[in-house]
């Protein structure tokens, strides 16, 4: 076999190779889920993706005998490092054939790049923030993959461990069944919490109704996610960008907010699982992919919970339970069968308790790795 050569992504042709390489690596894996490629082009667009304004980045491709065989991105999130007083680099969007030499060549390049910029540790997979797919899946490969989660094969975490990496954080994925009738215990909780007149649950019938709540909800997300590993507060232009990205696939029935006299204090957002539509469309929305997605939004039997949080001074008042019950009722109305609650930090005991309250069981585990760059 020829020597592995690692080159920086410079041209648009290089970037195309970088974006579409995973589809070649996984072409014989029927369970692999491609990304939405229009989103990928935006993600790696330095001019239009606002995240590049506060991060240093680099893309590498690995070649063997002229054939692309692996890729990796390096990120130094300057805003996160400043907020948390860290000097950590990140690696992410790493893909490779099952070839230790390729993995070694790629990760070594990012280590060298980060070390030259004064970083003392490399963590990953971790993108610009926790809103990007994070970690390598390490358990639960028998379960189907879905959007917004890592899609790696079993060998990737094993190969990164051989490069001297160990656990930084673990995240878990819960799966819960949707009951046919609301359990009595939930009805009692709903009745008790709803009697408090200091706040109200806001539910939506149209996207137009929800538009006025987008900015308050994302600002609340900035506040409630501040202690979550990997989260970077969104600036106003990033809030608009995130809202526009998800607005097409949002069903307002799966958006819940809690309003108090001093504003929005809680929110929960879910989307019907459109993963199978994306798989059948090969990650391309046009010409037929968008039709499959729209059909899946109406017919999917699984609800993916995207975001949720309660303002600190309103916690332990039952608002998270209240929204969970309302979300469960919406899933029942749509005859859904499962609720997927994913990428919850292993040590987030409060959130995990809520997942288990509705009967959720851990089906997958993901790991963010770390390695010291100081000899």
Foldseek 3Di string as FASTA:
>chain_A
DADKDKDWQDDPVSVVCLQCVVCVLCVVPLQFFHAQVVVVVQVPDCVRPCLVVQKDKTKMFIDGPRHTFKIKMKIFRNQVCVVVVALEIEIAPIDGHLDLSNVLVHVVVNLVVSVVVPHFKYKWPADSFLQAATFDWAFQPVDGDFPRYDRDDNRVVVSVVVVVKDFDFKFFKWKFWQDLDQDPVLVVLLVVLCVDPQKDKDADQDLVVCPVCQVVVLVLCLQFCVPPPRHDRDDPVRSVVVCVVCVVQFHRLQKMWMAGPVGTFKIWGKGATLRVLCSVVVSYCPDCSVVSSVVSRLQGQEIETNDIGGHPVCPPSCPVSNSVSSNSVSSSVSNHTMYMYTGHTPPPVVVVVSCVVSPIDTNIMGGMIMDTSDD
